[in-house]
mmCIF file of all heavy atoms, coordinates in Angstrom:
data_MODEL
# 
_entry.id   MODEL 
# 
loop_
_atom_site.group_PDB 
_atom_site.id 
_atom_site.type_symbol 
_atom_site.label_atom_id 
_atom_site.label_alt_id 
_atom_site.label_comp_id 
_atom_site.label_asym_id 
_atom_site.label_entity_id 
_atom_site.label_seq_id 
_atom_site.pdbx_PDB_ins_code 
_atom_site.Cartn_x 
_atom_site.Cartn_y 
_atom_site.Cartn_z 
_atom_site.occupancy 
_atom_site.B_iso_or_equiv 
_atom_site.pdbx_formal_charge 
_atom_site.auth_seq_id 
_atom_site.auth_comp_id 
_atom_site.auth_asym_id 
_atom_site.auth_atom_id 
_atom_site.pdbx_PDB_model_num 
ATOM 1   N N   . LYS A 1 1  ? 11.299  -9.319  -11.690 1.00 0.00 ? 1  LYS A N   1 
ATOM 2   C CA  . LYS A 1 1  ? 10.074  -8.548  -11.504 1.00 0.00 ? 1  LYS A CA  1 
ATOM 3   C C   . LYS A 1 1  ? 10.298  -7.057  -11.327 1.00 0.00 ? 1  LYS A C   1 
ATOM 4   O O   . LYS A 1 1  ? 9.352   -6.282  -11.394 1.00 0.00 ? 1  LYS A O   1 
ATOM 5   C CB  . LYS A 1 1  ? 9.280   -9.104  -10.325 1.00 0.00 ? 1  LYS A CB  1 
ATOM 6   C CG  . LYS A 1 1  ? 8.790   -10.536 -10.536 1.00 0.00 ? 1  LYS A CG  1 
ATOM 7   C CD  . LYS A 1 1  ? 7.910   -11.008 -9.408  1.00 0.00 ? 1  LYS A CD  1 
ATOM 8   C CE  . LYS A 1 1  ? 7.401   -12.417 -9.682  1.00 0.00 ? 1  LYS A CE  1 
ATOM 9   N NZ  . LYS A 1 1  ? 6.488   -12.910 -8.622  1.00 0.00 ? 1  LYS A NZ  1 
ATOM 10  N N   . ASP A 1 2  ? 11.541  -6.656  -11.066 1.00 0.00 ? 2  ASP A N   1 
ATOM 11  C CA  . ASP A 1 2  ? 11.792  -5.239  -10.884 1.00 0.00 ? 2  ASP A CA  1 
ATOM 12  C C   . ASP A 1 2  ? 12.287  -4.561  -12.157 1.00 0.00 ? 2  ASP A C   1 
ATOM 13  O O   . ASP A 1 2  ? 12.533  -3.353  -12.147 1.00 0.00 ? 2  ASP A O   1 
ATOM 14  C CB  . ASP A 1 2  ? 12.795  -5.011  -9.760  1.00 0.00 ? 2  ASP A CB  1 
ATOM 15  C CG  . ASP A 1 2  ? 14.160  -5.613  -10.061 1.00 0.00 ? 2  ASP A CG  1 
ATOM 16  O OD1 . ASP A 1 2  ? 14.222  -6.559  -10.902 1.00 0.00 ? 2  ASP A OD1 1 
ATOM 17  O OD2 . ASP A 1 2  ? 15.158  -5.156  -9.462  1.00 0.00 ? 2  ASP A OD2 1 
ATOM 18  N N   . ASN A 1 3  ? 12.434  -5.323  -13.260 1.00 0.00 ? 3  ASN A N   1 
ATOM 19  C CA  . ASN A 1 3  ? 12.949  -4.662  -14.447 1.00 0.00 ? 3  ASN A CA  1 
ATOM 20  C C   . ASN A 1 3  ? 11.842  -3.946  -15.219 1.00 0.00 ? 3  ASN A C   1 
ATOM 21  O O   . ASN A 1 3  ? 10.645  -4.174  -15.023 1.00 0.00 ? 3  ASN A O   1 
ATOM 22  C CB  . ASN A 1 3  ? 13.750  -5.619  -15.335 1.00 0.00 ? 3  ASN A CB  1 
ATOM 23  C CG  . ASN A 1 3  ? 12.899  -6.638  -16.067 1.00 0.00 ? 3  ASN A CG  1 
ATOM 24  O OD1 . ASN A 1 3  ? 11.696  -6.481  -16.276 1.00 0.00 ? 3  ASN A OD1 1 
ATOM 25  N ND2 . ASN A 1 3  ? 13.543  -7.713  -16.501 1.00 0.00 ? 3  ASN A ND2 1 
ATOM 26  N N   . ILE A 1 4  ? 12.263  -3.078  -16.118 1.00 0.00 ? 4  ILE A N   1 
ATOM 27  C CA  . ILE A 1 4  ? 11.327  -2.223  -16.847 1.00 0.00 ? 4  ILE A CA  1 
ATOM 28  C C   . ILE A 1 4  ? 10.402  -3.050  -17.728 1.00 0.00 ? 4  ILE A C   1 
ATOM 29  O O   . ILE A 1 4  ? 9.189   -2.806  -17.793 1.00 0.00 ? 4  ILE A O   1 
ATOM 30  C CB  . ILE A 1 4  ? 12.103  -1.196  -17.690 1.00 0.00 ? 4  ILE A CB  1 
ATOM 31  C CG1 . ILE A 1 4  ? 12.947  -0.294  -16.775 1.00 0.00 ? 4  ILE A CG1 1 
ATOM 32  C CG2 . ILE A 1 4  ? 11.164  -0.363  -18.545 1.00 0.00 ? 4  ILE A CG2 1 
ATOM 33  C CD1 . ILE A 1 4  ? 13.916  0.607   -17.526 1.00 0.00 ? 4  ILE A CD1 1 
ATOM 34  N N   . LEU A 1 5  ? 10.944  -4.041  -18.416 1.00 0.00 ? 5  LEU A N   1 
ATOM 35  C CA  . LEU A 1 5  ? 10.151  -4.878  -19.319 1.00 0.00 ? 5  LEU A CA  1 
ATOM 36  C C   . LEU A 1 5  ? 9.018   -5.571  -18.575 1.00 0.00 ? 5  LEU A C   1 
ATOM 37  O O   . LEU A 1 5  ? 7.859   -5.534  -19.008 1.00 0.00 ? 5  LEU A O   1 
ATOM 38  C CB  . LEU A 1 5  ? 11.052  -5.905  -20.003 1.00 0.00 ? 5  LEU A CB  1 
ATOM 39  C CG  . LEU A 1 5  ? 10.346  -6.951  -20.876 1.00 0.00 ? 5  LEU A CG  1 
ATOM 40  C CD1 . LEU A 1 5  ? 9.586   -6.287  -22.016 1.00 0.00 ? 5  LEU A CD1 1 
ATOM 41  C CD2 . LEU A 1 5  ? 11.361  -7.969  -21.427 1.00 0.00 ? 5  LEU A CD2 1 
ATOM 42  N N   . PHE A 1 6  ? 9.348   -6.211  -17.479 1.00 0.00 ? 6  PHE A N   1 
ATOM 43  C CA  . PHE A 1 6  ? 8.338   -6.931  -16.701 1.00 0.00 ? 6  PHE A CA  1 
ATOM 44  C C   . PHE A 1 6  ? 7.261   -5.978  -16.185 1.00 0.00 ? 6  PHE A C   1 
ATOM 45  O O   . PHE A 1 6  ? 6.069   -6.255  -16.293 1.00 0.00 ? 6  PHE A O   1 
ATOM 46  C CB  . PHE A 1 6  ? 9.008   -7.660  -15.535 1.00 0.00 ? 6  PHE A CB  1 
ATOM 47  C CG  . PHE A 1 6  ? 8.066   -8.484  -14.696 1.00 0.00 ? 6  PHE A CG  1 
ATOM 48  C CD1 . PHE A 1 6  ? 7.898   -9.835  -14.954 1.00 0.00 ? 6  PHE A CD1 1 
ATOM 49  C CD2 . PHE A 1 6  ? 7.354   -7.917  -13.649 1.00 0.00 ? 6  PHE A CD2 1 
ATOM 50  C CE1 . PHE A 1 6  ? 7.026   -10.605 -14.187 1.00 0.00 ? 6  PHE A CE1 1 
ATOM 51  C CE2 . PHE A 1 6  ? 6.489   -8.680  -12.872 1.00 0.00 ? 6  PHE A CE2 1 
ATOM 52  C CZ  . PHE A 1 6  ? 6.325   -10.022 -13.149 1.00 0.00 ? 6  PHE A CZ  1 
ATOM 53  N N   . GLN A 1 7  ? 7.667   -4.859  -15.627 1.00 0.00 ? 7  GLN A N   1 
ATOM 54  C CA  . GLN A 1 7  ? 6.729   -3.907  -15.054 1.00 0.00 ? 7  GLN A CA  1 
ATOM 55  C C   . GLN A 1 7  ? 5.772   -3.345  -16.103 1.00 0.00 ? 7  GLN A C   1 
ATOM 56  O O   . GLN A 1 7  ? 4.554   -3.265  -15.878 1.00 0.00 ? 7  GLN A O   1 
ATOM 57  C CB  . GLN A 1 7  ? 7.491   -2.760  -14.380 1.00 0.00 ? 7  GLN A CB  1 
ATOM 58  C CG  . GLN A 1 7  ? 8.266   -3.167  -13.125 1.00 0.00 ? 7  GLN A CG  1 
ATOM 59  C CD  . GLN A 1 7  ? 7.371   -3.402  -11.936 1.00 0.00 ? 7  GLN A CD  1 
ATOM 60  O OE1 . GLN A 1 7  ? 6.382   -2.680  -11.744 1.00 0.00 ? 7  GLN A OE1 1 
ATOM 61  N NE2 . GLN A 1 7  ? 7.684   -4.397  -11.129 1.00 0.00 ? 7  GLN A NE2 1 
ATOM 62  N N   . LEU A 1 8  ? 6.314   -2.958  -17.258 1.00 0.00 ? 8  LEU A N   1 
ATOM 63  C CA  . LEU A 1 8  ? 5.469   -2.409  -18.310 1.00 0.00 ? 8  LEU A CA  1 
ATOM 64  C C   . LEU A 1 8  ? 4.543   -3.470  -18.899 1.00 0.00 ? 8  LEU A C   1 
ATOM 65  O O   . LEU A 1 8  ? 3.349   -3.219  -19.120 1.00 0.00 ? 8  LEU A O   1 
ATOM 66  C CB  . LEU A 1 8  ? 6.333   -1.799  -19.417 1.00 0.00 ? 8  LEU A CB  1 
ATOM 67  C CG  . LEU A 1 8  ? 7.015   -0.468  -19.091 1.00 0.00 ? 8  LEU A CG  1 
ATOM 68  C CD1 . LEU A 1 8  ? 7.889   -0.021  -20.257 1.00 0.00 ? 8  LEU A CD1 1 
ATOM 69  C CD2 . LEU A 1 8  ? 5.992   0.614   -18.775 1.00 0.00 ? 8  LEU A CD2 1 
ATOM 70  N N   . ALA A 1 9  ? 5.083   -4.661  -19.146 1.00 0.00 ? 9  ALA A N   1 
ATOM 71  C CA  . ALA A 1 9  ? 4.274   -5.739  -19.726 1.00 0.00 ? 9  ALA A CA  1 
ATOM 72  C C   . ALA A 1 9  ? 3.121   -6.107  -18.813 1.00 0.00 ? 9  ALA A C   1 
ATOM 73  O O   . ALA A 1 9  ? 1.979   -6.287  -19.263 1.00 0.00 ? 9  ALA A O   1 
ATOM 74  C CB  . ALA A 1 9  ? 5.160   -6.958  -20.003 1.00 0.00 ? 9  ALA A CB  1 
ATOM 75  N N   . LEU A 1 10 ? 3.403   -6.228  -17.525 1.00 0.00 ? 10 LEU A N   1 
ATOM 76  C CA  . LEU A 1 10 ? 2.368   -6.580  -16.559 1.00 0.00 ? 10 LEU A CA  1 
ATOM 77  C C   . LEU A 1 10 ? 1.308   -5.483  -16.459 1.00 0.00 ? 10 LEU A C   1 
ATOM 78  O O   . LEU A 1 10 ? 0.097   -5.767  -16.450 1.00 0.00 ? 10 LEU A O   1 
ATOM 79  C CB  . LEU A 1 10 ? 2.999   -6.836  -15.191 1.00 0.00 ? 10 LEU A CB  1 
ATOM 80  C CG  . LEU A 1 10 ? 2.047   -7.298  -14.075 1.00 0.00 ? 10 LEU A CG  1 
ATOM 81  C CD1 . LEU A 1 10 ? 1.394   -8.635  -14.451 1.00 0.00 ? 10 LEU A CD1 1 
ATOM 82  C CD2 . LEU A 1 10 ? 2.812   -7.441  -12.746 1.00 0.00 ? 10 LEU A CD2 1 
ATOM 83  N N   . ALA A 1 11 ? 1.745   -4.232  -16.404 1.00 0.00 ? 11 ALA A N   1 
ATOM 84  C CA  . ALA A 1 11 ? 0.801   -3.117  -16.292 1.00 0.00 ? 11 ALA A CA  1 
ATOM 85  C C   . ALA A 1 11 ? -0.108  -3.025  -17.510 1.00 0.00 ? 11 ALA A C   1 
ATOM 86  O O   . ALA A 1 11 ? -1.322  -2.794  -17.380 1.00 0.00 ? 11 ALA A O   1 
ATOM 87  C CB  . ALA A 1 11 ? 1.569   -1.808  -16.108 1.00 0.00 ? 11 ALA A CB  1 
ATOM 88  N N   . ILE A 1 12 ? 0.453   -3.214  -18.693 1.00 0.00 ? 12 ILE A N   1 
ATOM 89  C CA  . ILE A 1 12 ? -0.336  -3.139  -19.923 1.00 0.00 ? 12 ILE A CA  1 
ATOM 90  C C   . ILE A 1 12 ? -1.372  -4.249  -19.992 1.00 0.00 ? 12 ILE A C   1 
ATOM 91  O O   . ILE A 1 12 ? -2.550  -4.015  -20.304 1.00 0.00 ? 12 ILE A O   1 
ATOM 92  C CB  . ILE A 1 12 ? 0.593   -3.170  -21.155 1.00 0.00 ? 12 ILE A CB  1 
ATOM 93  C CG1 . ILE A 1 12 ? 1.421   -1.884  -21.217 1.00 0.00 ? 12 ILE A CG1 1 
ATOM 94  C CG2 . ILE A 1 12 ? -0.206  -3.356  -22.441 1.00 0.00 ? 12 ILE A CG2 1 
ATOM 95  C CD1 . ILE A 1 12 ? 2.533   -1.904  -22.258 1.00 0.00 ? 12 ILE A CD1 1 
ATOM 96  N N   . ASP A 1 13 ? -0.965  -5.478  -19.670 1.00 0.00 ? 13 ASP A N   1 
ATOM 97  C CA  . ASP A 1 13 ? -1.903  -6.599  -19.729 1.00 0.00 ? 13 ASP A CA  1 
ATOM 98  C C   . ASP A 1 13 ? -2.990  -6.478  -18.654 1.00 0.00 ? 13 ASP A C   1 
ATOM 99  O O   . ASP A 1 13 ? -4.154  -6.805  -18.899 1.00 0.00 ? 13 ASP A O   1 
ATOM 100 C CB  . ASP A 1 13 ? -1.153  -7.919  -19.568 1.00 0.00 ? 13 ASP A CB  1 
ATOM 101 C CG  . ASP A 1 13 ? -0.549  -8.395  -20.884 1.00 0.00 ? 13 ASP A CG  1 
ATOM 102 O OD1 . ASP A 1 13 ? -0.383  -7.546  -21.791 1.00 0.00 ? 13 ASP A OD1 1 
ATOM 103 O OD2 . ASP A 1 13 ? -0.223  -9.587  -21.017 1.00 0.00 ? 13 ASP A OD2 1 
ATOM 104 N N   . GLN A 1 14 ? -2.612  -6.020  -17.457 1.00 0.00 ? 14 GLN A N   1 
ATOM 105 C CA  . GLN A 1 14 ? -3.616  -5.849  -16.406 1.00 0.00 ? 14 GLN A CA  1 
ATOM 106 C C   . GLN A 1 14 ? -4.645  -4.790  -16.794 1.00 0.00 ? 14 GLN A C   1 
ATOM 107 O O   . GLN A 1 14 ? -5.839  -4.932  -16.497 1.00 0.00 ? 14 GLN A O   1 
ATOM 108 C CB  . GLN A 1 14 ? -2.930  -5.475  -15.086 1.00 0.00 ? 14 GLN A CB  1 
ATOM 109 C CG  . GLN A 1 14 ? -2.220  -6.642  -14.411 1.00 0.00 ? 14 GLN A CG  1 
ATOM 110 C CD  . GLN A 1 14 ? -1.525  -6.244  -13.123 1.00 0.00 ? 14 GLN A CD  1 
ATOM 111 O OE1 . GLN A 1 14 ? -1.229  -5.069  -12.887 1.00 0.00 ? 14 GLN A OE1 1 
ATOM 112 N NE2 . GLN A 1 14 ? -1.267  -7.233  -12.256 1.00 0.00 ? 14 GLN A NE2 1 
ATOM 113 N N   . PHE A 1 15 ? -4.220  -3.754  -17.473 1.00 0.00 ? 15 PHE A N   1 
ATOM 114 C CA  . PHE A 1 15 ? -5.167  -2.737  -17.935 1.00 0.00 ? 15 PHE A CA  1 
ATOM 115 C C   . PHE A 1 15 ? -6.098  -3.298  -18.999 1.00 0.00 ? 15 PHE A C   1 
ATOM 116 O O   . PHE A 1 15 ? -7.307  -3.079  -18.957 1.00 0.00 ? 15 PHE A O   1 
ATOM 117 C CB  . PHE A 1 15 ? -4.406  -1.532  -18.477 1.00 0.00 ? 15 PHE A CB  1 
ATOM 118 C CG  . PHE A 1 15 ? -5.293  -0.503  -19.117 1.00 0.00 ? 15 PHE A CG  1 
ATOM 119 C CD1 . PHE A 1 15 ? -6.118  0.301   -18.347 1.00 0.00 ? 15 PHE A CD1 1 
ATOM 120 C CD2 . PHE A 1 15 ? -5.326  -0.345  -20.507 1.00 0.00 ? 15 PHE A CD2 1 
ATOM 121 C CE1 . PHE A 1 15 ? -6.954  1.248   -18.939 1.00 0.00 ? 15 PHE A CE1 1 
ATOM 122 C CE2 . PHE A 1 15 ? -6.142  0.589   -21.105 1.00 0.00 ? 15 PHE A CE2 1 
ATOM 123 C CZ  . PHE A 1 15 ? -6.959  1.390   -20.316 1.00 0.00 ? 15 PHE A CZ  1 
ATOM 124 N N   . LYS A 1 16 ? -5.524  -4.039  -19.945 1.00 0.00 ? 16 LYS A N   1 
ATOM 125 C CA  . LYS A 1 16 ? -6.346  -4.604  -21.013 1.00 0.00 ? 16 LYS A CA  1 
ATOM 126 C C   . LYS A 1 16 ? -7.338  -5.627  -20.479 1.00 0.00 ? 16 LYS A C   1 
ATOM 127 O O   . LYS A 1 16 ? -8.435  -5.790  -21.036 1.00 0.00 ? 16 LYS A O   1 
ATOM 128 C CB  . LYS A 1 16 ? -5.452  -5.252  -22.072 1.00 0.00 ? 16 LYS A CB  1 
ATOM 129 C CG  . LYS A 1 16 ? -4.677  -4.240  -22.916 1.00 0.00 ? 16 LYS A CG  1 
ATOM 130 C CD  . LYS A 1 16 ? -3.878  -4.937  -24.010 1.00 0.00 ? 16 LYS A CD  1 
ATOM 131 C CE  . LYS A 1 16 ? -3.209  -3.920  -24.925 1.00 0.00 ? 16 LYS A CE  1 
ATOM 132 N NZ  . LYS A 1 16 ? -2.453  -4.574  -26.021 1.00 0.00 ? 16 LYS A NZ  1 
ATOM 133 N N   . ASN A 1 17 ? -6.974  -6.325  -19.399 1.00 0.00 ? 17 ASN A N   1 
ATOM 134 C CA  . ASN A 1 17 ? -7.851  -7.326  -18.803 1.00 0.00 ? 17 ASN A CA  1 
ATOM 135 C C   . ASN A 1 17 ? -8.813  -6.728  -17.780 1.00 0.00 ? 17 ASN A C   1 
ATOM 136 O O   . ASN A 1 17 ? -9.573  -7.458  -17.132 1.00 0.00 ? 17 ASN A O   1 
ATOM 137 C CB  . ASN A 1 17 ? -7.026  -8.436  -18.142 1.00 0.00 ? 17 ASN A CB  1 
ATOM 138 C CG  . ASN A 1 17 ? -6.181  -9.212  -19.147 1.00 0.00 ? 17 ASN A CG  1 
ATOM 139 O OD1 . ASN A 1 17 ? -6.519  -9.306  -20.326 1.00 0.00 ? 17 ASN A OD1 1 
ATOM 140 N ND2 . ASN A 1 17 ? -5.053  -9.753  -18.679 1.00 0.00 ? 17 ASN A ND2 1 
ATOM 141 N N   . GLY A 1 18 ? -8.766  -5.431  -17.592 1.00 0.00 ? 18 GLY A N   1 
ATOM 142 C CA  . GLY A 1 18 ? -9.641  -4.778  -16.637 1.00 0.00 ? 18 GLY A CA  1 
ATOM 143 C C   . GLY A 1 18 ? -9.254  -4.972  -15.190 1.00 0.00 ? 18 GLY A C   1 
ATOM 144 O O   . GLY A 1 18 ? -10.051 -4.721  -14.284 1.00 0.00 ? 18 GLY A O   1 
ATOM 145 N N   . GLU A 1 19 ? -8.029  -5.390  -14.936 1.00 0.00 ? 19 GLU A N   1 
ATOM 146 C CA  . GLU A 1 19 ? -7.573  -5.638  -13.570 1.00 0.00 ? 19 GLU A CA  1 
ATOM 147 C C   . GLU A 1 19 ? -7.003  -4.385  -12.906 1.00 0.00 ? 19 GLU A C   1 
ATOM 148 O O   . GLU A 1 19 ? -6.744  -4.390  -11.699 1.00 0.00 ? 19 GLU A O   1 
ATOM 149 C CB  . GLU A 1 19 ? -6.518  -6.743  -13.577 1.00 0.00 ? 19 GLU A CB  1 
ATOM 150 C CG  . GLU A 1 19 ? -7.032  -8.079  -14.111 1.00 0.00 ? 19 GLU A CG  1 
ATOM 151 C CD  . GLU A 1 19 ? -5.917  -9.100  -14.275 1.00 0.00 ? 19 GLU A CD  1 
ATOM 152 O OE1 . GLU A 1 19 ? -4.893  -8.944  -13.577 1.00 0.00 ? 19 GLU A OE1 1 
ATOM 153 O OE2 . GLU A 1 19 ? -6.046  -10.031 -15.079 1.00 0.00 ? 19 GLU A OE2 1 
ATOM 154 N N   . SER A 1 20 ? -6.759  -3.341  -13.658 1.00 0.00 ? 20 SER A N   1 
ATOM 155 C CA  . SER A 1 20 ? -6.276  -2.077  -13.103 1.00 0.00 ? 20 SER A CA  1 
ATOM 156 C C   . SER A 1 20 ? -6.884  -0.925  -13.882 1.00 0.00 ? 20 SER A C   1 
ATOM 157 O O   . SER A 1 20 ? -7.172  -1.043  -15.084 1.00 0.00 ? 20 SER A O   1 
ATOM 158 C CB  . SER A 1 20 ? -4.749  -2.004  -13.137 1.00 0.00 ? 20 SER A CB  1 
ATOM 159 O OG  . SER A 1 20 ? -4.263  -2.001  -14.455 1.00 0.00 ? 20 SER A OG  1 
ATOM 160 N N   . GLY A 1 21 ? -7.045  0.210   -13.205 1.00 0.00 ? 21 GLY A N   1 
ATOM 161 C CA  . GLY A 1 21 ? -7.653  1.369   -13.839 1.00 0.00 ? 21 GLY A CA  1 
ATOM 162 C C   . GLY A 1 21 ? -6.642  2.222   -14.563 1.00 0.00 ? 21 GLY A C   1 
ATOM 163 O O   . GLY A 1 21 ? -5.434  1.957   -14.566 1.00 0.00 ? 21 GLY A O   1 
ATOM 164 N N   . VAL A 1 22 ? -7.126  3.305   -15.167 1.00 0.00 ? 22 VAL A N   1 
ATOM 165 C CA  . VAL A 1 22 ? -6.285  4.203   -15.948 1.00 0.00 ? 22 VAL A CA  1 
ATOM 166 C C   . VAL A 1 22 ? -5.210  4.849   -15.083 1.00 0.00 ? 22 VAL A C   1 
ATOM 167 O O   . VAL A 1 22 ? -4.027  4.851   -15.431 1.00 0.00 ? 22 VAL A O   1 
ATOM 168 C CB  . VAL A 1 22 ? -7.142  5.288   -16.636 1.00 0.00 ? 22 VAL A CB  1 
ATOM 169 C CG1 . VAL A 1 22 ? -6.240  6.351   -17.289 1.00 0.00 ? 22 VAL A CG1 1 
ATOM 170 C CG2 . VAL A 1 22 ? -8.056  4.674   -17.670 1.00 0.00 ? 22 VAL A CG2 1 
ATOM 171 N N   . ASP A 1 23 ? -5.598  5.390   -13.946 1.00 0.00 ? 23 ASP A N   1 
ATOM 172 C CA  . ASP A 1 23 ? -4.654  6.118   -13.092 1.00 0.00 ? 23 ASP A CA  1 
ATOM 173 C C   . ASP A 1 23 ? -3.509  5.220   -12.621 1.00 0.00 ? 23 ASP A C   1 
ATOM 174 O O   . ASP A 1 23 ? -2.340  5.614   -12.649 1.00 0.00 ? 23 ASP A O   1 
ATOM 175 C CB  . ASP A 1 23 ? -5.371  6.722   -11.889 1.00 0.00 ? 23 ASP A CB  1 
ATOM 176 C CG  . ASP A 1 23 ? -6.306  7.864   -12.278 1.00 0.00 ? 23 ASP A CG  1 
ATOM 177 O OD1 . ASP A 1 23 ? -6.158  8.395   -13.415 1.00 0.00 ? 23 ASP A OD1 1 
ATOM 178 O OD2 . ASP A 1 23 ? -7.182  8.218   -11.463 1.00 0.00 ? 23 ASP A OD2 1 
ATOM 179 N N   . GLN A 1 24 ? -3.852  4.017   -12.170 1.00 0.00 ? 24 GLN A N   1 
ATOM 180 C CA  . GLN A 1 24 ? -2.826  3.083   -11.694 1.00 0.00 ? 24 GLN A CA  1 
ATOM 181 C C   . GLN A 1 24 ? -1.888  2.682   -12.821 1.00 0.00 ? 24 GLN A C   1 
ATOM 182 O O   . GLN A 1 24 ? -0.670  2.611   -12.637 1.00 0.00 ? 24 GLN A O   1 
ATOM 183 C CB  . GLN A 1 24 ? -3.484  1.846   -11.086 1.00 0.00 ? 24 GLN A CB  1 
ATOM 184 C CG  . GLN A 1 24 ? -2.477  0.843   -10.518 1.00 0.00 ? 24 GLN A CG  1 
ATOM 185 C CD  . GLN A 1 24 ? -3.160  -0.408  -9.971  1.00 0.00 ? 24 GLN A CD  1 
ATOM 186 O OE1 . GLN A 1 24 ? -4.401  -0.495  -9.896  1.00 0.00 ? 24 GLN A OE1 1 
ATOM 187 N NE2 . GLN A 1 24 ? -2.355  -1.385  -9.565  1.00 0.00 ? 24 GLN A NE2 1 
ATOM 188 N N   . THR A 1 25 ? -2.460  2.419   -13.990 1.00 0.00 ? 25 THR A N   1 
ATOM 189 C CA  . THR A 1 25 ? -1.652  2.019   -15.140 1.00 0.00 ? 25 THR A CA  1 
ATOM 190 C C   . THR A 1 25 ? -0.719  3.134   -15.580 1.00 0.00 ? 25 THR A C   1 
ATOM 191 O O   . THR A 1 25 ? 0.471   2.902   -15.843 1.00 0.00 ? 25 THR A O   1 
ATOM 192 C CB  . THR A 1 25 ? -2.552  1.598   -16.311 1.00 0.00 ? 25 THR A CB  1 
ATOM 193 O OG1 . THR A 1 25 ? -3.441  0.571   -15.891 1.00 0.00 ? 25 THR A OG1 1 
ATOM 194 C CG2 . THR A 1 25 ? -1.716  1.104   -17.489 1.00 0.00 ? 25 THR A CG2 1 
ATOM 195 N N   . VAL A 1 26 ? -1.265  4.347   -15.664 1.00 0.00 ? 26 VAL A N   1 
ATOM 196 C CA  . VAL A 1 26 ? -0.450  5.488   -16.077 1.00 0.00 ? 26 VAL A CA  1 
ATOM 197 C C   . VAL A 1 26 ? 0.674   5.736   -15.078 1.00 0.00 ? 26 VAL A C   1 
ATOM 198 O O   . VAL A 1 26 ? 1.815   6.023   -15.470 1.00 0.00 ? 26 VAL A O   1 
ATOM 199 C CB  . VAL A 1 26 ? -1.329  6.750   -16.226 1.00 0.00 ? 26 VAL A CB  1 
ATOM 200 C CG1 . VAL A 1 26 ? -0.448  7.991   -16.422 1.00 0.00 ? 26 VAL A CG1 1 
ATOM 201 C CG2 . VAL A 1 26 ? -2.282  6.593   -17.408 1.00 0.00 ? 26 VAL A CG2 1 
ATOM 202 N N   . GLU A 1 27 ? 0.395   5.603   -13.788 1.00 0.00 ? 27 GLU A N   1 
ATOM 203 C CA  . GLU A 1 27 ? 1.429   5.804   -12.773 1.00 0.00 ? 27 GLU A CA  1 
ATOM 204 C C   . GLU A 1 27 ? 2.565   4.804   -12.943 1.00 0.00 ? 27 GLU A C   1 
ATOM 205 O O   . GLU A 1 27 ? 3.748   5.162   -12.867 1.00 0.00 ? 27 GLU A O   1 
ATOM 206 C CB  . GLU A 1 27 ? 0.812   5.671   -11.382 1.00 0.00 ? 27 GLU A CB  1 
ATOM 207 C CG  . GLU A 1 27 ? 1.716   6.142   -10.242 1.00 0.00 ? 27 GLU A CG  1 
ATOM 208 C CD  . GLU A 1 27 ? 2.719   5.086   -9.788  1.00 0.00 ? 27 GLU A CD  1 
ATOM 209 O OE1 . GLU A 1 27 ? 2.401   3.885   -9.916  1.00 0.00 ? 27 GLU A OE1 1 
ATOM 210 O OE2 . GLU A 1 27 ? 3.821   5.461   -9.332  1.00 0.00 ? 27 GLU A OE2 1 
# 
């Protein structure tokens, strides 16, 4: 869960699903 692949994949999917906003995703 701490690797780059997991973090980016999770952030991208959460944004697409509306589970996170732009600012959180970009951060």
